[in-house]
Full PDB file with SEQRES, HELIX, SHEET, SSBOND, CRYST1, ORIGX, SCALE, CONECT and MASTER records, all heavy atoms in Angstrom:
SEQRES   1 A   38  ARG ARG VAL VAL LEU LEU THR ASP ARG ALA VAL VAL VAL          
SEQRES   2 A   38  LEU GLU TYR GLY ARG PHE GLY PRO VAL LYS PRO ARG ARG          
SEQRES   3 A   38  VAL LEU ALA ARG LEU PRO LEU GLY THR GLY ILE GLY              
SHEET    1 AA1 3 ARG A   2  LEU A   6  0                                        
SHEET    2 AA1 3 VAL A  11  TYR A  16 -1                                        
SHEET    3 AA1 3 PRO A  24  LEU A  31 -1                                        
CRYST1    1.000    1.000    1.000  90.00  90.00  90.00 P 1           1          
ORIGX1      1.000000  0.000000  0.000000        0.00000                         
ORIGX2      0.000000  1.000000  0.000000        0.00000                         
ORIGX3      0.000000  0.000000  1.000000        0.00000                         
SCALE1      1.000000  0.000000  0.000000        0.00000                         
SCALE2      0.000000  1.000000  0.000000        0.00000                         
SCALE3      0.000000  0.000000  1.000000        0.00000                         
ATOM      1  N   ARG A   1      -7.639 -15.571  11.580  1.00  0.00           N  
ATOM      2  CA  ARG A   1      -6.264 -16.055  11.483  1.00  0.00           C  
ATOM      3  C   ARG A   1      -6.087 -17.259  12.395  1.00  0.00           C  
ATOM      4  O   ARG A   1      -6.529 -17.271  13.540  1.00  0.00           O  
ATOM      5  CB  ARG A   1      -5.281 -14.952  11.867  1.00  0.00           C  
ATOM      6  CG  ARG A   1      -5.346 -13.797  10.894  1.00  0.00           C  
ATOM      7  CD  ARG A   1      -4.199 -12.847  11.012  1.00  0.00           C  
ATOM      8  NE  ARG A   1      -4.121 -12.190  12.304  1.00  0.00           N  
ATOM      9  CZ  ARG A   1      -3.204 -11.274  12.589  1.00  0.00           C  
ATOM     10  NH1 ARG A   1      -2.304 -10.929  11.706  1.00  0.00           N  
ATOM     11  NH2 ARG A   1      -3.180 -10.709  13.775  1.00  0.00           N  
ATOM     12  N   ARG A   2      -5.427 -18.268  11.859  1.00  0.00           N  
ATOM     13  CA  ARG A   2      -5.163 -19.497  12.591  1.00  0.00           C  
ATOM     14  C   ARG A   2      -3.687 -19.856  12.447  1.00  0.00           C  
ATOM     15  O   ARG A   2      -3.059 -19.550  11.432  1.00  0.00           O  
ATOM     16  CB  ARG A   2      -5.992 -20.660  12.056  1.00  0.00           C  
ATOM     17  CG  ARG A   2      -7.483 -20.430  12.075  1.00  0.00           C  
ATOM     18  CD  ARG A   2      -8.019 -20.505  13.486  1.00  0.00           C  
ATOM     19  NE  ARG A   2      -9.460 -20.392  13.514  1.00  0.00           N  
ATOM     20  CZ  ARG A   2     -10.117 -19.333  13.972  1.00  0.00           C  
ATOM     21  NH1 ARG A   2      -9.466 -18.295  14.436  1.00  0.00           N  
ATOM     22  NH2 ARG A   2     -11.437 -19.305  13.970  1.00  0.00           N  
ATOM     23  N   VAL A   3      -3.171 -20.520  13.462  1.00  0.00           N  
ATOM     24  CA  VAL A   3      -1.836 -21.090  13.397  1.00  0.00           C  
ATOM     25  C   VAL A   3      -1.962 -22.551  13.797  1.00  0.00           C  
ATOM     26  O   VAL A   3      -2.595 -22.873  14.804  1.00  0.00           O  
ATOM     27  CB  VAL A   3      -0.847 -20.356  14.327  1.00  0.00           C  
ATOM     28  CG1 VAL A   3       0.475 -21.077  14.398  1.00  0.00           C  
ATOM     29  CG2 VAL A   3      -0.644 -18.931  13.850  1.00  0.00           C  
ATOM     30  N   VAL A   4      -1.393 -23.419  12.985  1.00  0.00           N  
ATOM     31  CA  VAL A   4      -1.403 -24.849  13.273  1.00  0.00           C  
ATOM     32  C   VAL A   4       0.036 -25.225  13.623  1.00  0.00           C  
ATOM     33  O   VAL A   4       0.958 -24.975  12.856  1.00  0.00           O  
ATOM     34  CB  VAL A   4      -1.905 -25.658  12.061  1.00  0.00           C  
ATOM     35  CG1 VAL A   4      -1.974 -27.137  12.406  1.00  0.00           C  
ATOM     36  CG2 VAL A   4      -3.253 -25.144  11.582  1.00  0.00           C  
ATOM     37  N   LEU A   5       0.193 -25.791  14.817  1.00  0.00           N  
ATOM     38  CA  LEU A   5       1.515 -26.173  15.306  1.00  0.00           C  
ATOM     39  C   LEU A   5       1.630 -27.688  15.356  1.00  0.00           C  
ATOM     40  O   LEU A   5       0.726 -28.364  15.843  1.00  0.00           O  
ATOM     41  CB  LEU A   5       1.739 -25.633  16.720  1.00  0.00           C  
ATOM     42  CG  LEU A   5       1.596 -24.129  16.929  1.00  0.00           C  
ATOM     43  CD1 LEU A   5       1.666 -23.804  18.413  1.00  0.00           C  
ATOM     44  CD2 LEU A   5       2.661 -23.382  16.165  1.00  0.00           C  
ATOM     45  N   LEU A   6       2.729 -28.200  14.867  1.00  0.00           N  
ATOM     46  CA  LEU A   6       3.060 -29.605  15.048  1.00  0.00           C  
ATOM     47  C   LEU A   6       4.041 -29.644  16.204  1.00  0.00           C  
ATOM     48  O   LEU A   6       5.144 -29.106  16.117  1.00  0.00           O  
ATOM     49  CB  LEU A   6       3.693 -30.191  13.789  1.00  0.00           C  
ATOM     50  CG  LEU A   6       4.184 -31.630  13.905  1.00  0.00           C  
ATOM     51  CD1 LEU A   6       3.031 -32.573  14.217  1.00  0.00           C  
ATOM     52  CD2 LEU A   6       4.884 -32.053  12.646  1.00  0.00           C  
ATOM     53  N   THR A   7       3.623 -30.221  17.312  1.00  0.00           N  
ATOM     54  CA  THR A   7       4.501 -30.318  18.480  1.00  0.00           C  
ATOM     55  C   THR A   7       4.934 -31.764  18.655  1.00  0.00           C  
ATOM     56  O   THR A   7       4.504 -32.641  17.896  1.00  0.00           O  
ATOM     57  CB  THR A   7       3.786 -29.825  19.759  1.00  0.00           C  
ATOM     58  OG1 THR A   7       2.801 -30.784  20.148  1.00  0.00           O  
ATOM     59  CG2 THR A   7       3.154 -28.461  19.559  1.00  0.00           C  
ATOM     60  N   ASP A   8       5.728 -32.001  19.663  1.00  0.00           N  
ATOM     61  CA  ASP A   8       6.172 -33.369  19.932  1.00  0.00           C  
ATOM     62  C   ASP A   8       5.063 -34.224  20.534  1.00  0.00           C  
ATOM     63  O   ASP A   8       5.199 -35.431  20.650  1.00  0.00           O  
ATOM     64  CB  ASP A   8       7.402 -33.376  20.845  1.00  0.00           C  
ATOM     65  CG  ASP A   8       7.168 -32.660  22.164  1.00  0.00           C  
ATOM     66  OD1 ASP A   8       6.234 -31.848  22.264  1.00  0.00           O  
ATOM     67  OD2 ASP A   8       7.956 -32.909  23.109  1.00  0.00           O  
ATOM     68  N   ARG A   9       3.911 -33.611  20.885  1.00  0.00           N  
ATOM     69  CA  ARG A   9       2.802 -34.338  21.507  1.00  0.00           C  
ATOM     70  C   ARG A   9       1.499 -34.323  20.722  1.00  0.00           C  
ATOM     71  O   ARG A   9       0.663 -35.201  20.918  1.00  0.00           O  
ATOM     72  CB  ARG A   9       2.525 -33.755  22.894  1.00  0.00           C  
ATOM     73  CG  ARG A   9       3.706 -33.816  23.816  1.00  0.00           C  
ATOM     74  CD  ARG A   9       3.395 -33.199  25.137  1.00  0.00           C  
ATOM     75  NE  ARG A   9       4.621 -33.035  25.906  1.00  0.00           N  
ATOM     76  CZ  ARG A   9       4.701 -32.340  27.002  1.00  0.00           C  
ATOM     77  NH1 ARG A   9       3.634 -31.734  27.486  1.00  0.00           N  
ATOM     78  NH2 ARG A   9       5.847 -32.226  27.633  1.00  0.00           N  
ATOM     79  N   ALA A  10       1.292 -33.294  19.900  1.00  0.00           N  
ATOM     80  CA  ALA A  10      -0.007 -33.151  19.238  1.00  0.00           C  
ATOM     81  C   ALA A  10       0.081 -32.151  18.091  1.00  0.00           C  
ATOM     82  O   ALA A  10       1.099 -31.497  17.884  1.00  0.00           O  
ATOM     83  CB  ALA A  10      -1.052 -32.670  20.252  1.00  0.00           C  
ATOM     84  N   VAL A  11      -1.019 -32.043  17.370  1.00  0.00           N  
ATOM     85  CA  VAL A  11      -1.217 -30.973  16.398  1.00  0.00           C  
ATOM     86  C   VAL A  11      -2.157 -29.990  17.083  1.00  0.00           C  
ATOM     87  O   VAL A  11      -3.253 -30.359  17.504  1.00  0.00           O  
ATOM     88  CB  VAL A  11      -1.839 -31.505  15.083  1.00  0.00           C  
ATOM     89  CG1 VAL A  11      -2.178 -30.356  14.153  1.00  0.00           C  
ATOM     90  CG2 VAL A  11      -0.889 -32.489  14.412  1.00  0.00           C  
ATOM     91  N   VAL A  12      -1.703 -28.749  17.239  1.00  0.00           N  
ATOM     92  CA  VAL A  12      -2.448 -27.753  18.004  1.00  0.00           C  
ATOM     93  C   VAL A  12      -2.887 -26.626  17.072  1.00  0.00           C  
ATOM     94  O   VAL A  12      -2.065 -26.071  16.344  1.00  0.00           O  
ATOM     95  CB  VAL A  12      -1.583 -27.186  19.157  1.00  0.00           C  
ATOM     96  CG1 VAL A  12      -2.368 -26.194  19.991  1.00  0.00           C  
ATOM     97  CG2 VAL A  12      -1.046 -28.312  20.028  1.00  0.00           C  
ATOM     98  N   VAL A  13      -4.188 -26.312  17.112  1.00  0.00           N  
ATOM     99  CA  VAL A  13      -4.734 -25.213  16.310  1.00  0.00           C  
ATOM    100  C   VAL A  13      -5.016 -24.048  17.252  1.00  0.00           C  
ATOM    101  O   VAL A  13      -5.748 -24.193  18.231  1.00  0.00           O  
ATOM    102  CB  VAL A  13      -6.038 -25.635  15.586  1.00  0.00           C  
ATOM    103  CG1 VAL A  13      -6.562 -24.490  14.733  1.00  0.00           C  
ATOM    104  CG2 VAL A  13      -5.809 -26.882  14.755  1.00  0.00           C  
ATOM    105  N   LEU A  14      -4.405 -22.896  16.948  1.00  0.00           N  
ATOM    106  CA  LEU A  14      -4.553 -21.708  17.781  1.00  0.00           C  
ATOM    107  C   LEU A  14      -5.318 -20.621  17.053  1.00  0.00           C  
ATOM    108  O   LEU A  14      -5.195 -20.468  15.833  1.00  0.00           O  
ATOM    109  CB  LEU A  14      -3.182 -21.149  18.171  1.00  0.00           C  
ATOM    110  CG  LEU A  14      -2.246 -22.063  18.939  1.00  0.00           C  
ATOM    111  CD1 LEU A  14      -0.903 -21.384  19.157  1.00  0.00           C  
ATOM    112  CD2 LEU A  14      -2.853 -22.477  20.256  1.00  0.00           C  
ATOM    113  N   GLU A  15      -6.086 -19.858  17.813  1.00  0.00           N  
ATOM    114  CA  GLU A  15      -6.778 -18.686  17.280  1.00  0.00           C  
ATOM    115  C   GLU A  15      -5.889 -17.471  17.526  1.00  0.00           C  
ATOM    116  O   GLU A  15      -5.347 -17.297  18.614  1.00  0.00           O  
ATOM    117  CB  GLU A  15      -8.108 -18.495  17.999  1.00  0.00           C  
ATOM    118  CG  GLU A  15      -8.826 -17.228  17.581  1.00  0.00           C  
ATOM    119  CD  GLU A  15     -10.089 -16.989  18.383  1.00  0.00           C  
ATOM    120  OE1 GLU A  15     -10.024 -17.085  19.638  1.00  0.00           O  
ATOM    121  OE2 GLU A  15     -11.110 -16.714  17.767  1.00  0.00           O  
ATOM    122  N   TYR A  16      -5.759 -16.653  16.515  1.00  0.00           N  
ATOM    123  CA  TYR A  16      -5.013 -15.408  16.608  1.00  0.00           C  
ATOM    124  C   TYR A  16      -5.962 -14.265  16.309  1.00  0.00           C  
ATOM    125  O   TYR A  16      -6.977 -14.439  15.638  1.00  0.00           O  
ATOM    126  CB  TYR A  16      -3.853 -15.409  15.618  1.00  0.00           C  
ATOM    127  CG  TYR A  16      -2.643 -16.123  16.149  1.00  0.00           C  
ATOM    128  CD1 TYR A  16      -2.662 -17.473  16.402  1.00  0.00           C  
ATOM    129  CD2 TYR A  16      -1.489 -15.421  16.441  1.00  0.00           C  
ATOM    130  CE1 TYR A  16      -1.567 -18.128  16.912  1.00  0.00           C  
ATOM    131  CE2 TYR A  16      -0.377 -16.060  16.952  1.00  0.00           C  
ATOM    132  CZ  TYR A  16      -0.416 -17.415  17.179  1.00  0.00           C  
ATOM    133  OH  TYR A  16       0.674 -18.053  17.698  1.00  0.00           O  
ATOM    134  N   GLY A  17      -5.629 -13.069  16.789  1.00  0.00           N  
ATOM    135  CA  GLY A  17      -6.480 -11.910  16.582  1.00  0.00           C  
ATOM    136  C   GLY A  17      -6.579 -11.512  15.122  1.00  0.00           C  
ATOM    137  O   GLY A  17      -5.708 -11.823  14.319  1.00  0.00           O  
ATOM    138  N   ARG A  18      -7.644 -10.813  14.777  1.00  0.00           N  
ATOM    139  CA  ARG A  18      -7.849 -10.363  13.395  1.00  0.00           C  
ATOM    140  C   ARG A  18      -6.939  -9.211  13.020  1.00  0.00           C  
ATOM    141  O   ARG A  18      -6.584  -9.035  11.875  1.00  0.00           O  
ATOM    142  CB  ARG A  18      -9.293  -9.918  13.199  1.00  0.00           C  
ATOM    143  CG  ARG A  18     -10.285 -11.031  13.237  1.00  0.00           C  
ATOM    144  CD  ARG A  18     -11.681 -10.483  12.943  1.00  0.00           C  
ATOM    145  NE  ARG A  18     -12.690 -11.467  13.225  1.00  0.00           N  
ATOM    146  CZ  ARG A  18     -13.116 -12.368  12.347  1.00  0.00           C  
ATOM    147  NH1 ARG A  18     -12.613 -12.393  11.153  1.00  0.00           N  
ATOM    148  NH2 ARG A  18     -14.035 -13.233  12.685  1.00  0.00           N  
ATOM    149  N   PHE A  19      -6.617  -8.371  13.974  1.00  0.00           N  
ATOM    150  CA  PHE A  19      -5.850  -7.164  13.696  1.00  0.00           C  
ATOM    151  C   PHE A  19      -4.572  -7.159  14.504  1.00  0.00           C  
ATOM    152  O   PHE A  19      -4.456  -7.826  15.524  1.00  0.00           O  
ATOM    153  CB  PHE A  19      -6.685  -5.916  14.041  1.00  0.00           C  
ATOM    154  CG  PHE A  19      -8.040  -5.923  13.385  1.00  0.00           C  
ATOM    155  CD1 PHE A  19      -9.172  -6.216  14.112  1.00  0.00           C  
ATOM    156  CD2 PHE A  19      -8.168  -5.657  12.042  1.00  0.00           C  
ATOM    157  CE1 PHE A  19     -10.420  -6.224  13.510  1.00  0.00           C  
ATOM    158  CE2 PHE A  19      -9.398  -5.675  11.424  1.00  0.00           C  
ATOM    159  CZ  PHE A  19     -10.528  -5.957  12.159  1.00  0.00           C  
ATOM    160  N   GLY A  20      -3.608  -6.403  14.055  1.00  0.00           N  
ATOM    161  CA  GLY A  20      -2.372  -6.244  14.810  1.00  0.00           C  
ATOM    162  C   GLY A  20      -1.421  -7.401  14.611  1.00  0.00           C  
ATOM    163  O   GLY A  20      -1.571  -8.212  13.701  1.00  0.00           O  
ATOM    164  N   PRO A  21      -0.433  -7.501  15.497  1.00  0.00           N  
ATOM    165  CA  PRO A  21       0.579  -8.558  15.355  1.00  0.00           C  
ATOM    166  C   PRO A  21      -0.021  -9.938  15.606  1.00  0.00           C  
ATOM    167  O   PRO A  21      -1.073 -10.064  16.222  1.00  0.00           O  
ATOM    168  CB  PRO A  21       1.616  -8.201  16.421  1.00  0.00           C  
ATOM    169  CG  PRO A  21       0.882  -7.374  17.410  1.00  0.00           C  
ATOM    170  CD  PRO A  21      -0.199  -6.650  16.646  1.00  0.00           C  
ATOM    171  N   VAL A  22       0.689 -10.920  15.120  1.00  0.00           N  
ATOM    172  CA  VAL A  22       0.226 -12.303  15.269  1.00  0.00           C  
ATOM    173  C   VAL A  22       0.501 -12.742  16.706  1.00  0.00           C  
ATOM    174  O   VAL A  22       1.625 -13.070  17.064  1.00  0.00           O  
ATOM    175  CB  VAL A  22       0.930 -13.229  14.256  1.00  0.00           C  
ATOM    176  CG1 VAL A  22       0.446 -14.641  14.397  1.00  0.00           C  
ATOM    177  CG2 VAL A  22       0.698 -12.725  12.845  1.00  0.00           C  
ATOM    178  N   LYS A  23      -0.535 -12.698  17.547  1.00  0.00           N  
ATOM    179  CA  LYS A  23      -0.436 -13.118  18.944  1.00  0.00           C  
ATOM    180  C   LYS A  23      -1.546 -14.126  19.223  1.00  0.00           C  
ATOM    181  O   LYS A  23      -2.685 -13.918  18.830  1.00  0.00           O  
ATOM    182  CB  LYS A  23      -0.597 -11.920  19.880  1.00  0.00           C  
ATOM    183  CG  LYS A  23       0.559 -10.956  19.816  1.00  0.00           C  
ATOM    184  CD  LYS A  23       0.397  -9.865  20.845  1.00  0.00           C  
ATOM    185  CE  LYS A  23       1.565  -8.914  20.780  1.00  0.00           C  
ATOM    186  NZ  LYS A  23       1.411  -7.802  21.709  1.00  0.00           N  
ATOM    187  N   PRO A  24      -1.203 -15.200  19.927  1.00  0.00           N  
ATOM    188  CA  PRO A  24      -2.212 -16.228  20.193  1.00  0.00           C  
ATOM    189  C   PRO A  24      -3.246 -15.755  21.207  1.00  0.00           C  
ATOM    190  O   PRO A  24      -2.935 -15.012  22.123  1.00  0.00           O  
ATOM    191  CB  PRO A  24      -1.389 -17.380  20.758  1.00  0.00           C  
ATOM    192  CG  PRO A  24      -0.218 -16.722  21.383  1.00  0.00           C  
ATOM    193  CD  PRO A  24       0.079 -15.525  20.530  1.00  0.00           C  
ATOM    194  N   ARG A  25      -4.487 -16.216  21.003  1.00  0.00           N  
ATOM    195  CA  ARG A  25      -5.547 -15.893  21.952  1.00  0.00           C  
ATOM    196  C   ARG A  25      -5.975 -17.119  22.746  1.00  0.00           C  
ATOM    197  O   ARG A  25      -6.167 -17.046  23.937  1.00  0.00           O  
ATOM    198  CB  ARG A  25      -6.735 -15.318  21.218  1.00  0.00           C  
ATOM    199  CG  ARG A  25      -6.401 -13.990  20.594  1.00  0.00           C  
ATOM    200  CD  ARG A  25      -7.635 -13.258  20.264  1.00  0.00           C  
ATOM    201  NE  ARG A  25      -7.221 -11.930  19.803  1.00  0.00           N  
ATOM    202  CZ  ARG A  25      -8.020 -10.938  19.718  1.00  0.00           C  
ATOM    203  NH1 ARG A  25      -9.271 -11.085  20.048  1.00  0.00           N  
ATOM    204  NH2 ARG A  25      -7.594  -9.782  19.296  1.00  0.00           N  
ATOM    205  N   ARG A  26      -6.174 -18.235  22.020  1.00  0.00           N  
ATOM    206  CA  ARG A  26      -6.611 -19.450  22.717  1.00  0.00           C  
ATOM    207  C   ARG A  26      -6.389 -20.667  21.831  1.00  0.00           C  
ATOM    208  O   ARG A  26      -6.211 -20.553  20.624  1.00  0.00           O  
ATOM    209  CB  ARG A  26      -8.077 -19.357  23.112  1.00  0.00           C  
ATOM    210  CG  ARG A  26      -9.039 -19.319  21.953  1.00  0.00           C  
ATOM    211  CD  ARG A  26     -10.466 -19.066  22.411  1.00  0.00           C  
ATOM    212  NE  ARG A  26     -11.344 -18.925  21.268  1.00  0.00           N  
ATOM    213  CZ  ARG A  26     -12.288 -19.778  20.942  1.00  0.00           C  
ATOM    214  NH1 ARG A  26     -12.491 -20.853  21.673  1.00  0.00           N  
ATOM    215  NH2 ARG A  26     -13.039 -19.574  19.890  1.00  0.00           N  
ATOM    216  N   VAL A  27      -6.428 -21.826  22.461  1.00  0.00           N  
ATOM    217  CA  VAL A  27      -6.308 -23.096  21.746  1.00  0.00           C  
ATOM    218  C   VAL A  27      -7.698 -23.479  21.254  1.00  0.00           C  
ATOM    219  O   VAL A  27      -8.635 -23.564  22.040  1.00  0.00           O  
ATOM    220  CB  VAL A  27      -5.742 -24.201  22.666  1.00  0.00           C  
ATOM    221  CG1 VAL A  27      -5.735 -25.538  21.949  1.00  0.00           C  
ATOM    222  CG2 VAL A  27      -4.344 -23.837  23.132  1.00  0.00           C  
ATOM    223  N   LEU A  28      -7.827 -23.708  19.959  1.00  0.00           N  
ATOM    224  CA  LEU A  28      -9.101 -24.144  19.392  1.00  0.00           C  
ATOM    225  C   LEU A  28      -9.231 -25.657  19.396  1.00  0.00           C  
ATOM    226  O   LEU A  28     -10.323 -26.188  19.585  1.00  0.00           O  
ATOM    227  CB  LEU A  28      -9.258 -23.627  17.958  1.00  0.00           C  
ATOM    228  CG  LEU A  28      -9.398 -22.122  17.801  1.00  0.00           C  
ATOM    229  CD1 LEU A  28      -9.441 -21.751  16.327  1.00  0.00           C  
ATOM    230  CD2 LEU A  28     -10.649 -21.622  18.503  1.00  0.00           C  
ATOM    231  N   ALA A  29      -8.111 -26.346  19.161  1.00  0.00           N  
ATOM    232  CA  ALA A  29      -8.167 -27.812  19.102  1.00  0.00           C  
ATOM    233  C   ALA A  29      -6.787 -28.395  19.363  1.00  0.00           C  
ATOM    234  O   ALA A  29      -5.776 -27.808  19.000  1.00  0.00           O  
ATOM    235  CB  ALA A  29      -8.666 -28.267  17.741  1.00  0.00           C  
ATOM    236  N   ARG A  30      -6.789 -29.557  20.004  1.00  0.00           N  
ATOM    237  CA  ARG A  30      -5.588 -30.386  20.155  1.00  0.00           C  
ATOM    238  C   ARG A  30      -5.911 -31.704  19.468  1.00  0.00           C  
ATOM    239  O   ARG A  30      -6.794 -32.428  19.903  1.00  0.00           O  
ATOM    240  CB  ARG A  30      -5.247 -30.622  21.621  1.00  0.00           C  
ATOM    241  CG  ARG A  30      -4.684 -29.404  22.318  1.00  0.00           C  
ATOM    242  CD  ARG A  30      -4.171 -29.744  23.706  1.00  0.00           C  
ATOM    243  NE  ARG A  30      -2.974 -30.574  23.676  1.00  0.00           N  
ATOM    244  CZ  ARG A  30      -1.732 -30.112  23.516  1.00  0.00           C  
ATOM    245  NH1 ARG A  30      -1.525 -28.838  23.369  1.00  0.00           N  
ATOM    246  NH2 ARG A  30      -0.718 -30.933  23.511  1.00  0.00           N  
ATOM    247  N   LEU A  31      -5.219 -31.976  18.398  1.00  0.00           N  
ATOM    248  CA  LEU A  31      -5.478 -33.160  17.593  1.00  0.00           C  
ATOM    249  C   LEU A  31      -4.332 -34.150  17.756  1.00  0.00           C  
ATOM    250  O   LEU A  31      -3.204 -33.759  18.061  1.00  0.00           O  
ATOM    251  CB  LEU A  31      -5.618 -32.748  16.121  1.00  0.00           C  
ATOM    252  CG  LEU A  31      -6.660 -31.648  15.851  1.00  0.00           C  
ATOM    253  CD1 LEU A  31      -6.516 -31.119  14.443  1.00  0.00           C  
ATOM    254  CD2 LEU A  31      -8.048 -32.171  16.100  1.00  0.00           C  
ATOM    255  N   PRO A  32      -4.603 -35.428  17.529  1.00  0.00           N  
ATOM    256  CA  PRO A  32      -3.531 -36.428  17.687  1.00  0.00           C  
ATOM    257  C   PRO A  32      -2.429 -36.245  16.650  1.00  0.00           C  
ATOM    258  O   PRO A  32      -2.669 -35.738  15.545  1.00  0.00           O  
ATOM    259  CB  PRO A  32      -4.255 -37.760  17.500  1.00  0.00           C  
ATOM    260  CG  PRO A  32      -5.540 -37.442  16.834  1.00  0.00           C  
ATOM    261  CD  PRO A  32      -5.875 -36.023  17.152  1.00  0.00           C  
ATOM    262  N   LEU A  33      -1.225 -36.665  17.025  1.00  0.00           N  
ATOM    263  CA  LEU A  33      -0.117 -36.664  16.060  1.00  0.00           C  
ATOM    264  C   LEU A  33      -0.519 -37.498  14.855  1.00  0.00           C  
ATOM    265  O   LEU A  33      -1.230 -38.485  14.982  1.00  0.00           O  
ATOM    266  CB  LEU A  33       1.141 -37.247  16.702  1.00  0.00           C  
ATOM    267  CG  LEU A  33       1.869 -36.338  17.687  1.00  0.00           C  
ATOM    268  CD1 LEU A  33       3.015 -37.094  18.351  1.00  0.00           C  
ATOM    269  CD2 LEU A  33       2.382 -35.106  16.992  1.00  0.00           C  
ATOM    270  N   GLY A  34      -0.087 -37.091  13.704  1.00  0.00           N  
ATOM    271  CA  GLY A  34      -0.447 -37.801  12.485  1.00  0.00           C  
ATOM    272  C   GLY A  34      -1.651 -37.197  11.782  1.00  0.00           C  
ATOM    273  O   GLY A  34      -1.989 -37.611  10.679  1.00  0.00           O  
ATOM    274  N   THR A  35      -2.306 -36.226  12.418  1.00  0.00           N  
ATOM    275  CA  THR A  35      -3.414 -35.538  11.755  1.00  0.00           C  
ATOM    276  C   THR A  35      -2.842 -34.748  10.586  1.00  0.00           C  
ATOM    277  O   THR A  35      -1.926 -33.946  10.759  1.00  0.00           O  
ATOM    278  CB  THR A  35      -4.128 -34.576  12.732  1.00  0.00           C  
ATOM    279  OG1 THR A  35      -4.611 -35.330  13.843  1.00  0.00           O  
ATOM    280  CG2 THR A  35      -5.269 -33.856  12.055  1.00  0.00           C  
ATOM    281  N   GLY A  36      -3.357 -34.992   9.407  1.00  0.00           N  
ATOM    282  CA  GLY A  36      -2.830 -34.344   8.203  1.00  0.00           C  
ATOM    283  C   GLY A  36      -3.469 -33.000   7.924  1.00  0.00           C  
ATOM    284  O   GLY A  36      -4.554 -32.689   8.394  1.00  0.00           O  
ATOM    285  N   ILE A  37      -2.767 -32.212   7.120  1.00  0.00           N  
ATOM    286  CA  ILE A  37      -3.284 -30.912   6.692  1.00  0.00           C  
ATOM    287  C   ILE A  37      -3.446 -30.882   5.180  1.00  0.00           C  
ATOM    288  O   ILE A  37      -3.938 -29.926   4.649  1.00  0.00           O  
ATOM    289  CB  ILE A  37      -2.324 -29.777   7.125  1.00  0.00           C  
ATOM    290  CG1 ILE A  37      -2.233 -29.731   8.624  1.00  0.00           C  
ATOM    291  CG2 ILE A  37      -2.793 -28.435   6.637  1.00  0.00           C  
ATOM    292  CD1 ILE A  37      -1.419 -28.584   9.141  1.00  0.00           C  
ATOM    293  N   GLY A  38      -3.096 -31.874   4.484  1.00  0.00           N  
ATOM    294  CA  GLY A  38      -3.057 -31.781   3.025  1.00  0.00           C  
ATOM    295  C   GLY A  38      -4.020 -32.716   2.359  1.00  0.00           C  
ATOM    296  O   GLY A  38      -4.903 -33.251   3.007  1.00  0.00           O  
TER     297      GLY A  38                                                      
MASTER        0    0    0    0    3    0    0    6  296    1    0    3          
END                                                                             
């Protein structure tokens, strides 16, 4: 499970656990603003 956040400073990719509620574990990547997902 991954969550991609668009913040006011960057695009942040977070790792979430496989089981249970959606809780962040760690930051996988911080990408520059303007990084596309589509």
